[in-house]
């Protein structure tokens, strides 16, 4: 019962787990307005989550500077064959 009441009264709040789970959508700016506000509020009060999101943003920025590598068409099939053999 307490959990249910807690969820009702804290509906617009998110915890660290939810913030980290939503961090890609946050950085991609694809969150609905209510969730965006809750994530922003959490990030303004939680140093570890703010550091996590900042690090993720930096990593994405660094990776975006590299050219995209497209594997040969046979790659997926050969990888799946290897996985099946190694089981």
PDB file of N, CA and C in Angstrom:
ATOM      1  N   UNK A   1       0.816  -1.193   0.000  1.00  0.00           N
ATOM      2  CA  UNK A   1       0.000   0.000   0.000  1.00  0.00           C
ATOM      3  C   UNK A   1       0.862   1.261   0.000  1.00  0.00           C
ATOM      4  N   UNK A   2       1.921   1.235   0.818  1.00  0.00           N
ATOM      5  CA  UNK A   2       2.812   2.391   0.890  1.00  0.00           C
ATOM      6  C   UNK A   2       3.464   2.672  -0.455  1.00  0.00           C
ATOM      7  N   UNK A   3       3.854   1.606  -1.161  1.00  0.00           N
ATOM      8  CA  UNK A   3       4.481   1.784  -2.477  1.00  0.00           C
ATOM      9  C   UNK A   3       3.525   2.464  -3.448  1.00  0.00           C
ATOM     10  N   UNK A   4       2.270   2.041  -3.422  1.00  0.00           N
ATOM     11  CA  UNK A   4       1.273   2.628  -4.314  1.00  0.00           C
ATOM     12  C   UNK A   4       1.072   4.106  -4.003  1.00  0.00           C
ATOM     13  N   UNK A   5       0.910   4.431  -2.737  1.00  0.00           N
ATOM     14  CA  UNK A   5       0.749   5.837  -2.350  1.00  0.00           C
ATOM     15  C   UNK A   5       1.986   6.647  -2.701  1.00  0.00           C
ATOM     16  N   UNK A   6       3.121   6.044  -2.497  1.00  0.00           N
ATOM     17  CA  UNK A   6       4.375   6.717  -2.814  1.00  0.00           C
ATOM     18  C   UNK A   6       4.449   7.041  -4.303  1.00  0.00           C
ATOM     19  N   UNK A   7       4.042   6.088  -5.139  1.00  0.00           N
ATOM     20  CA  UNK A   7       4.053   6.312  -6.586  1.00  0.00           C
ATOM     21  C   UNK A   7       3.071   7.408  -6.987  1.00  0.00           C
ATOM     22  N   UNK A   8       1.916   7.418  -6.362  1.00  0.00           N
ATOM     23  CA  UNK A   8       0.903   8.425  -6.698  1.00  0.00           C
ATOM     24  C   UNK A   8       1.410   9.828  -6.378  1.00  0.00           C
ATOM     25  N   UNK A   9       1.987  10.000  -5.204  1.00  0.00           N
ATOM     26  CA  UNK A   9       2.420  11.331  -4.787  1.00  0.00           C
ATOM     27  C   UNK A   9       3.756  11.747  -5.388  1.00  0.00           C
ATOM     28  N   UNK A  10       4.519  10.790  -5.883  1.00  0.00           N
ATOM     29  CA  UNK A  10       5.810  11.122  -6.474  1.00  0.00           C
ATOM     30  C   UNK A  10       5.808  10.816  -7.966  1.00  0.00           C
ATOM     31  N   UNK A  11       4.652  10.947  -8.581  1.00  0.00           N
ATOM     32  CA  UNK A  11       4.482  10.579  -9.979  1.00  0.00           C
ATOM     33  C   UNK A  11       5.441  11.322 -10.911  1.00  0.00           C
ATOM     34  N   UNK A  12       5.750  12.551 -10.609  1.00  0.00           N
ATOM     35  CA  UNK A  12       6.605  13.355 -11.479  1.00  0.00           C
ATOM     36  C   UNK A  12       8.074  13.273 -11.106  1.00  0.00           C
ATOM     37  N   UNK A  13       8.424  12.351 -10.230  1.00  0.00           N
ATOM     38  CA  UNK A  13       9.814  12.184  -9.839  1.00  0.00           C
ATOM     39  C   UNK A  13      10.366  10.916 -10.471  1.00  0.00           C
ATOM     40  N   UNK A  14      11.651  10.913 -10.712  1.00  0.00           N
ATOM     41  CA  UNK A  14      12.325   9.713 -11.208  1.00  0.00           C
ATOM     42  C   UNK A  14      13.507   9.426 -10.296  1.00  0.00           C
ATOM     43  N   UNK A  15      13.924   8.162 -10.269  1.00  0.00           N
ATOM     44  CA  UNK A  15      15.076   7.788  -9.461  1.00  0.00           C
ATOM     45  C   UNK A  15      16.303   7.634 -10.359  1.00  0.00           C
ATOM     46  N   UNK A  16      17.403   7.258  -9.755  1.00  0.00           N
ATOM     47  CA  UNK A  16      18.655   7.124 -10.507  1.00  0.00           C
ATOM     48  C   UNK A  16      18.537   6.074 -11.610  1.00  0.00           C
ATOM     49  N   UNK A  17      17.921   4.941 -11.287  1.00  0.00           N
ATOM     50  CA  UNK A  17      17.788   3.865 -12.275  1.00  0.00           C
ATOM     51  C   UNK A  17      17.010   4.347 -13.502  1.00  0.00           C
ATOM     52  N   UNK A  18      15.895   5.004 -13.278  1.00  0.00           N
ATOM     53  CA  UNK A  18      15.078   5.504 -14.383  1.00  0.00           C
ATOM     54  C   UNK A  18      15.800   6.612 -15.151  1.00  0.00           C
ATOM     55  N   UNK A  19      16.523   7.453 -14.449  1.00  0.00           N
ATOM     56  CA  UNK A  19      17.274   8.525 -15.106  1.00  0.00           C
ATOM     57  C   UNK A  19      18.330   7.943 -16.029  1.00  0.00           C
ATOM     58  N   UNK A  20      19.064   6.970 -15.541  1.00  0.00           N
ATOM     59  CA  UNK A  20      20.108   6.361 -16.379  1.00  0.00           C
ATOM     60  C   UNK A  20      19.506   5.595 -17.538  1.00  0.00           C
ATOM     61  N   UNK A  21      18.381   4.939 -17.289  1.00  0.00           N
ATOM     62  CA  UNK A  21      17.708   4.193 -18.352  1.00  0.00           C
ATOM     63  C   UNK A  21      17.210   5.142 -19.449  1.00  0.00           C
ATOM     64  N   UNK A  22      16.852   6.356 -19.083  1.00  0.00           N
ATOM     65  CA  UNK A  22      16.303   7.326 -20.038  1.00  0.00           C
ATOM     66  C   UNK A  22      17.350   8.291 -20.582  1.00  0.00           C
ATOM     67  N   UNK A  23      18.603   8.096 -20.229  1.00  0.00           N
ATOM     68  CA  UNK A  23      19.629   9.082 -20.573  1.00  0.00           C
ATOM     69  C   UNK A  23      19.828   9.255 -22.078  1.00  0.00           C
ATOM     70  N   UNK A  24      19.739   8.172 -22.853  1.00  0.00           N
ATOM     71  CA  UNK A  24      19.886   8.316 -24.306  1.00  0.00           C
ATOM     72  C   UNK A  24      18.745   9.137 -24.891  1.00  0.00           C
ATOM     73  N   UNK A  25      17.528   8.836 -24.451  1.00  0.00           N
ATOM     74  CA  UNK A  25      16.374   9.611 -24.928  1.00  0.00           C
ATOM     75  C   UNK A  25      16.481  11.069 -24.485  1.00  0.00           C
ATOM     76  N   UNK A  26      17.007  11.290 -23.298  1.00  0.00           N
ATOM     77  CA  UNK A  26      17.211  12.658 -22.808  1.00  0.00           C
ATOM     78  C   UNK A  26      18.178  13.403 -23.729  1.00  0.00           C
ATOM     79  N   UNK A  27      19.300  12.773 -24.036  1.00  0.00           N
ATOM     80  CA  UNK A  27      20.296  13.420 -24.897  1.00  0.00           C
ATOM     81  C   UNK A  27      19.795  13.578 -26.330  1.00  0.00           C
ATOM     82  N   UNK A  28      18.958  12.637 -26.781  1.00  0.00           N
ATOM     83  CA  UNK A  28      18.379  12.727 -28.127  1.00  0.00           C
ATOM     84  C   UNK A  28      17.200  13.693 -28.183  1.00  0.00           C
ATOM     85  N   UNK A  29      16.809  14.213 -27.017  1.00  0.00           N
ATOM     86  CA  UNK A  29      15.687  15.148 -26.900  1.00  0.00           C
ATOM     87  C   UNK A  29      14.381  14.546 -27.414  1.00  0.00           C
ATOM     88  N   UNK A  30      14.140  13.283 -27.033  1.00  0.00           N
ATOM     89  CA  UNK A  30      12.926  12.602 -27.478  1.00  0.00           C
ATOM     90  C   UNK A  30      11.984  12.249 -26.323  1.00  0.00           C
ATOM     91  N   UNK A  31      12.248  12.780 -25.135  1.00  0.00           N
ATOM     92  CA  UNK A  31      11.384  12.490 -23.986  1.00  0.00           C
ATOM     93  C   UNK A  31      10.125  13.348 -24.024  1.00  0.00           C
ATOM     94  N   UNK A  32       9.006  12.799 -23.561  1.00  0.00           N
ATOM     95  CA  UNK A  32       7.807  13.632 -23.425  1.00  0.00           C
ATOM     96  C   UNK A  32       8.051  14.732 -22.392  1.00  0.00           C
ATOM     97  N   UNK A  33       7.372  15.857 -22.508  1.00  0.00           N
ATOM     98  CA  UNK A  33       7.640  17.011 -21.635  1.00  0.00           C
ATOM     99  C   UNK A  33       7.635  16.708 -20.133  1.00  0.00           C
ATOM    100  N   UNK A  34       6.678  15.938 -19.663  1.00  0.00           N
ATOM    101  CA  UNK A  34       6.591  15.653 -18.223  1.00  0.00           C
ATOM    102  C   UNK A  34       7.805  14.845 -17.747  1.00  0.00           C
ATOM    103  N   UNK A  35       8.189  13.844 -18.544  1.00  0.00           N
ATOM    104  CA  UNK A  35       9.339  13.026 -18.160  1.00  0.00           C
ATOM    105  C   UNK A  35      10.625  13.843 -18.283  1.00  0.00           C
ATOM    106  N   UNK A  36      10.715  14.678 -19.296  1.00  0.00           N
ATOM    107  CA  UNK A  36      11.878  15.546 -19.459  1.00  0.00           C
ATOM    108  C   UNK A  36      12.062  16.420 -18.226  1.00  0.00           C
ATOM    109  N   UNK A  37      10.983  17.018 -17.757  1.00  0.00           N
ATOM    110  CA  UNK A  37      11.064  17.876 -16.568  1.00  0.00           C
ATOM    111  C   UNK A  37      11.510  17.079 -15.347  1.00  0.00           C
ATOM    112  N   UNK A  38      10.998  15.857 -15.209  1.00  0.00           N
ATOM    113  CA  UNK A  38      11.377  15.019 -14.066  1.00  0.00           C
ATOM    114  C   UNK A  38      12.856  14.642 -14.134  1.00  0.00           C
ATOM    115  N   UNK A  39      13.335  14.316 -15.327  1.00  0.00           N
ATOM    116  CA  UNK A  39      14.751  13.959 -15.496  1.00  0.00           C
ATOM    117  C   UNK A  39      15.621  15.181 -15.212  1.00  0.00           C
ATOM    118  N   UNK A  40      15.255  16.333 -15.748  1.00  0.00           N
ATOM    119  CA  UNK A  40      16.034  17.550 -15.498  1.00  0.00           C
ATOM    120  C   UNK A  40      16.084  17.875 -14.010  1.00  0.00           C
ATOM    121  N   UNK A  41      14.970  17.705 -13.336  1.00  0.00           N
ATOM    122  CA  UNK A  41      14.925  17.945 -11.900  1.00  0.00           C
ATOM    123  C   UNK A  41      15.855  16.975 -11.165  1.00  0.00           C
ATOM    124  N   UNK A  42      15.806  15.714 -11.543  1.00  0.00           N
ATOM    125  CA  UNK A  42      16.671  14.727 -10.898  1.00  0.00           C
ATOM    126  C   UNK A  42      18.144  15.063 -11.148  1.00  0.00           C
ATOM    127  N   UNK A  43      18.474  15.406 -12.387  1.00  0.00           N
ATOM    128  CA  UNK A  43      19.869  15.707 -12.723  1.00  0.00           C
ATOM    129  C   UNK A  43      20.382  16.933 -11.976  1.00  0.00           C
ATOM    130  N   UNK A  44      19.506  17.873 -11.704  1.00  0.00           N
ATOM    131  CA  UNK A  44      19.948  19.071 -10.978  1.00  0.00           C
ATOM    132  C   UNK A  44      20.226  18.781  -9.505  1.00  0.00           C
ATOM    133  N   UNK A  45      19.722  17.651  -9.012  1.00  0.00           N
ATOM    134  CA  UNK A  45      19.899  17.298  -7.604  1.00  0.00           C
ATOM    135  C   UNK A  45      20.774  16.073  -7.371  1.00  0.00           C
ATOM    136  N   UNK A  46      21.223  15.415  -8.425  1.00  0.00           N
ATOM    137  CA  UNK A  46      21.970  14.160  -8.270  1.00  0.00           C
ATOM    138  C   UNK A  46      23.286  14.227  -9.047  1.00  0.00           C
ATOM    139  N   UNK A  47      24.363  14.460  -8.334  1.00  0.00           N
ATOM    140  CA  UNK A  47      25.681  14.555  -8.961  1.00  0.00           C
ATOM    141  C   UNK A  47      26.098  13.312  -9.724  1.00  0.00           C
ATOM    142  N   UNK A  48      25.926  12.102  -9.162  1.00  0.00           N
ATOM    143  CA  UNK A  48      26.326  10.900  -9.892  1.00  0.00           C
ATOM    144  C   UNK A  48      25.572  10.722 -11.215  1.00  0.00           C
ATOM    145  N   UNK A  49      24.282  11.012 -11.221  1.00  0.00           N
ATOM    146  CA  UNK A  49      23.533  10.889 -12.476  1.00  0.00           C
ATOM    147  C   UNK A  49      23.939  11.971 -13.469  1.00  0.00           C
ATOM    148  N   UNK A  50      24.194  13.184 -12.974  1.00  0.00           N
ATOM    149  CA  UNK A  50      24.654  14.267 -13.849  1.00  0.00           C
ATOM    150  C   UNK A  50      25.989  13.877 -14.484  1.00  0.00           C
ATOM    151  N   UNK A  51      26.892  13.295 -13.681  1.00  0.00           N
ATOM    152  CA  UNK A  51      28.189  12.852 -14.203  1.00  0.00           C
ATOM    153  C   UNK A  51      27.998  11.745 -15.241  1.00  0.00           C
ATOM    154  N   UNK A  52      27.063  10.830 -14.984  1.00  0.00           N
ATOM    155  CA  UNK A  52      26.788   9.746 -15.928  1.00  0.00           C
ATOM    156  C   UNK A  52      26.326  10.306 -17.268  1.00  0.00           C
ATOM    157  N   UNK A  53      25.362  11.223 -17.237  1.00  0.00           N
ATOM    158  CA  UNK A  53      24.822  11.802 -18.470  1.00  0.00           C
ATOM    159  C   UNK A  53      25.886  12.636 -19.185  1.00  0.00           C
ATOM    160  N   UNK A  54      26.682  13.384 -18.437  1.00  0.00           N
ATOM    161  CA  UNK A  54      27.763  14.169 -19.049  1.00  0.00           C
ATOM    162  C   UNK A  54      28.781  13.263 -19.729  1.00  0.00           C
ATOM    163  N   UNK A  55      29.127  12.156 -19.072  1.00  0.00           N
ATOM    164  CA  UNK A  55      30.084  11.210 -19.649  1.00  0.00           C
ATOM    165  C   UNK A  55      29.505  10.554 -20.893  1.00  0.00           C
ATOM    166  N   UNK A  56      28.236  10.181 -20.843  1.00  0.00           N
ATOM    167  CA  UNK A  56      27.586   9.593 -22.014  1.00  0.00           C
ATOM    168  C   UNK A  56      27.576  10.586 -23.172  1.00  0.00           C
ATOM    169  N   UNK A  57      27.258  11.834 -22.901  1.00  0.00           N
ATOM    170  CA  UNK A  57      27.242  12.863 -23.948  1.00  0.00           C
ATOM    171  C   UNK A  57      28.631  13.041 -24.556  1.00  0.00           C
ATOM    172  N   UNK A  58      29.661  13.047 -23.714  1.00  0.00           N
ATOM    173  CA  UNK A  58      31.037  13.180 -24.207  1.00  0.00           C
ATOM    174  C   UNK A  58      31.422  11.988 -25.069  1.00  0.00           C
ATOM    175  N   UNK A  59      31.053  10.794 -24.614  1.00  0.00           N
ATOM    176  CA  UNK A  59      31.370   9.573 -25.362  1.00  0.00           C
ATOM    177  C   UNK A  59      30.695   9.586 -26.724  1.00  0.00           C
ATOM    178  N   UNK A  60      29.432   9.965 -26.761  1.00  0.00           N
ATOM    179  CA  UNK A  60      28.708  10.042 -28.030  1.00  0.00           C
ATOM    180  C   UNK A  60      29.363  11.069 -28.949  1.00  0.00           C
ATOM    181  N   UNK A  61      29.779  12.202 -28.391  1.00  0.00           N
ATOM    182  CA  UNK A  61      30.457  13.228 -29.183  1.00  0.00           C
ATOM    183  C   UNK A  61      31.756  12.732 -29.782  1.00  0.00           C
ATOM    184  N   UNK A  62      32.538  12.015 -28.982  1.00  0.00           N
ATOM    185  CA  UNK A  62      33.811  11.472 -29.471  1.00  0.00           C
ATOM    186  C   UNK A  62      33.558  10.442 -30.560  1.00  0.00           C
ATOM    187  N   UNK A  63      32.621   9.530 -30.318  1.00  0.00           N
ATOM    188  CA  UNK A  63      32.343   8.478 -31.302  1.00  0.00           C
ATOM    189  C   UNK A  63      31.788   9.037 -32.604  1.00  0.00           C
ATOM    190  N   UNK A  64      31.079  10.149 -32.540  1.00  0.00           N
ATOM    191  CA  UNK A  64      30.497  10.715 -33.761  1.00  0.00           C
ATOM    192  C   UNK A  64      31.556  11.290 -34.699  1.00  0.00           C
ATOM    193  N   UNK A  65      32.759  11.491 -34.194  1.00  0.00           N
ATOM    194  CA  UNK A  65      33.844  12.015 -35.042  1.00  0.00           C
ATOM    195  C   UNK A  65      34.471  10.939 -35.923  1.00  0.00           C
ATOM    196  N   UNK A  66      34.244   9.678 -35.572  1.00  0.00           N
ATOM    197  CA  UNK A  66      34.817   8.581 -36.343  1.00  0.00           C
ATOM    198  C   UNK A  66      33.902   8.236 -37.509  1.00  0.00           C
ATOM    199  N   UNK A  67      34.509   7.789 -38.615  1.00  0.00           N
ATOM    200  CA  UNK A  67      33.661   7.387 -39.742  1.00  0.00           C
ATOM    201  C   UNK A  67      32.868   6.127 -39.385  1.00  0.00           C
ATOM    202  N   UNK A  68      31.687   6.041 -39.919  1.00  0.00           N
ATOM    203  CA  UNK A  68      30.845   4.872 -39.673  1.00  0.00           C
ATOM    204  C   UNK A  68      31.401   3.689 -40.454  1.00  0.00           C
ATOM    205  N   UNK A  69      31.508   2.560 -39.786  1.00  0.00           N
ATOM    206  CA  UNK A  69      32.027   1.348 -40.416  1.00  0.00           C
ATOM    207  C   UNK A  69      30.850   0.443 -40.744  1.00  0.00           C
ATOM    208  N   UNK A  70      30.770   0.051 -41.996  1.00  0.00           N
ATOM    209  CA  UNK A  70      29.703  -0.852 -42.417  1.00  0.00           C
ATOM    210  C   UNK A  70      30.341  -2.204 -42.720  1.00  0.00           C
ATOM    211  N   UNK A  71      29.963  -3.232 -41.955  1.00  0.00           N
ATOM    212  CA  UNK A  71      30.566  -4.553 -42.167  1.00  0.00           C
ATOM    213  C   UNK A  71      30.093  -5.152 -43.488  1.00  0.00           C
ATOM    214  N   UNK A  72      30.868  -6.095 -44.015  1.00  0.00           N
ATOM    215  CA  UNK A  72      30.437  -6.752 -45.254  1.00  0.00           C
ATOM    216  C   UNK A  72      29.123  -7.507 -45.022  1.00  0.00           C
ATOM    217  N   UNK A  73      28.391  -7.742 -46.081  1.00  0.00           N
ATOM    218  CA  UNK A  73      27.081  -8.388 -45.957  1.00  0.00           C
ATOM    219  C   UNK A  73      27.174  -9.790 -45.359  1.00  0.00           C
ATOM    220  N   UNK A  74      28.306 -10.448 -45.505  1.00  0.00           N
ATOM    221  CA  UNK A  74      28.468 -11.810 -44.975  1.00  0.00           C
ATOM    222  C   UNK A  74      28.794 -11.822 -43.479  1.00  0.00           C
ATOM    223  N   UNK A  75      29.038 -10.674 -42.890  1.00  0.00           N
ATOM    224  CA  UNK A  75      29.474 -10.612 -41.498  1.00  0.00           C
ATOM    225  C   UNK A  75      28.466 -11.229 -40.534  1.00  0.00           C
ATOM    226  N   UNK A  76      27.212 -10.840 -40.649  1.00  0.00           N
ATOM    227  CA  UNK A  76      26.194 -11.331 -39.712  1.00  0.00           C
ATOM    228  C   UNK A  76      26.067 -12.847 -39.793  1.00  0.00           C
ATOM    229  N   UNK A  77      26.005 -13.370 -41.005  1.00  0.00           N
ATOM    230  CA  UNK A  77      25.860 -14.820 -41.165  1.00  0.00           C
ATOM    231  C   UNK A  77      27.066 -15.556 -40.596  1.00  0.00           C
ATOM    232  N   UNK A  78      28.257 -15.055 -40.856  1.00  0.00           N
ATOM    233  CA  UNK A  78      29.454 -15.728 -40.349  1.00  0.00           C
ATOM    234  C   UNK A  78      29.539 -15.631 -38.828  1.00  0.00           C
ATOM    235  N   UNK A  79      29.123 -14.519 -38.260  1.00  0.00           N
ATOM    236  CA  UNK A  79      29.108 -14.369 -36.807  1.00  0.00           C
ATOM    237  C   UNK A  79      28.105 -15.330 -36.176  1.00  0.00           C
ATOM    238  N   UNK A  80      26.921 -15.415 -36.742  1.00  0.00           N
ATOM    239  CA  UNK A  80      25.904 -16.328 -36.207  1.00  0.00           C
ATOM    240  C   UNK A  80      26.366 -17.780 -36.309  1.00  0.00           C
ATOM    241  N   UNK A  81      27.031 -18.145 -37.400  1.00  0.00           N
ATOM    242  CA  UNK A  81      27.580 -19.504 -37.528  1.00  0.00           C
ATOM    243  C   UNK A  81      28.593 -19.780 -36.428  1.00  0.00           C
ATOM    244  N   UNK A  82      29.458 -18.834 -36.162  1.00  0.00           N
ATOM    245  CA  UNK A  82      30.472 -19.006 -35.116  1.00  0.00           C
ATOM    246  C   UNK A  82      29.821 -19.153 -33.745  1.00  0.00           C
ATOM    247  N   UNK A  83      28.802 -18.361 -33.477  1.00  0.00           N
ATOM    248  CA  UNK A  83      28.099 -18.457 -32.189  1.00  0.00           C
ATOM    249  C   UNK A  83      27.468 -19.835 -32.034  1.00  0.00           C
ATOM    250  N   UNK A  84      26.838 -20.329 -33.089  1.00  0.00           N
ATOM    251  CA  UNK A  84      26.210 -21.660 -33.023  1.00  0.00           C
ATOM    252  C   UNK A  84      27.254 -22.752 -32.792  1.00  0.00           C
ATOM    253  N   UNK A  85      28.394 -22.640 -33.438  1.00  0.00           N
ATOM    254  CA  UNK A  85      29.462 -23.649 -33.270  1.00  0.00           C
ATOM    255  C   UNK A  85      30.039 -23.628 -31.863  1.00  0.00           C
ATOM    256  N   UNK A  86      30.135 -22.448 -31.277  1.00  0.00           N
ATOM    257  CA  UNK A  86      30.769 -22.311 -29.956  1.00  0.00           C
ATOM    258  C   UNK A  86      29.843 -22.654 -28.794  1.00  0.00           C
ATOM    259  N   UNK A  87      28.607 -22.930 -29.057  1.00  0.00           N
ATOM    260  CA  UNK A  87      27.673 -23.259 -27.954  1.00  0.00           C
ATOM    261  C   UNK A  87      27.966 -24.581 -27.371  1.00  0.00           C
TER     262      UNK A  87
END
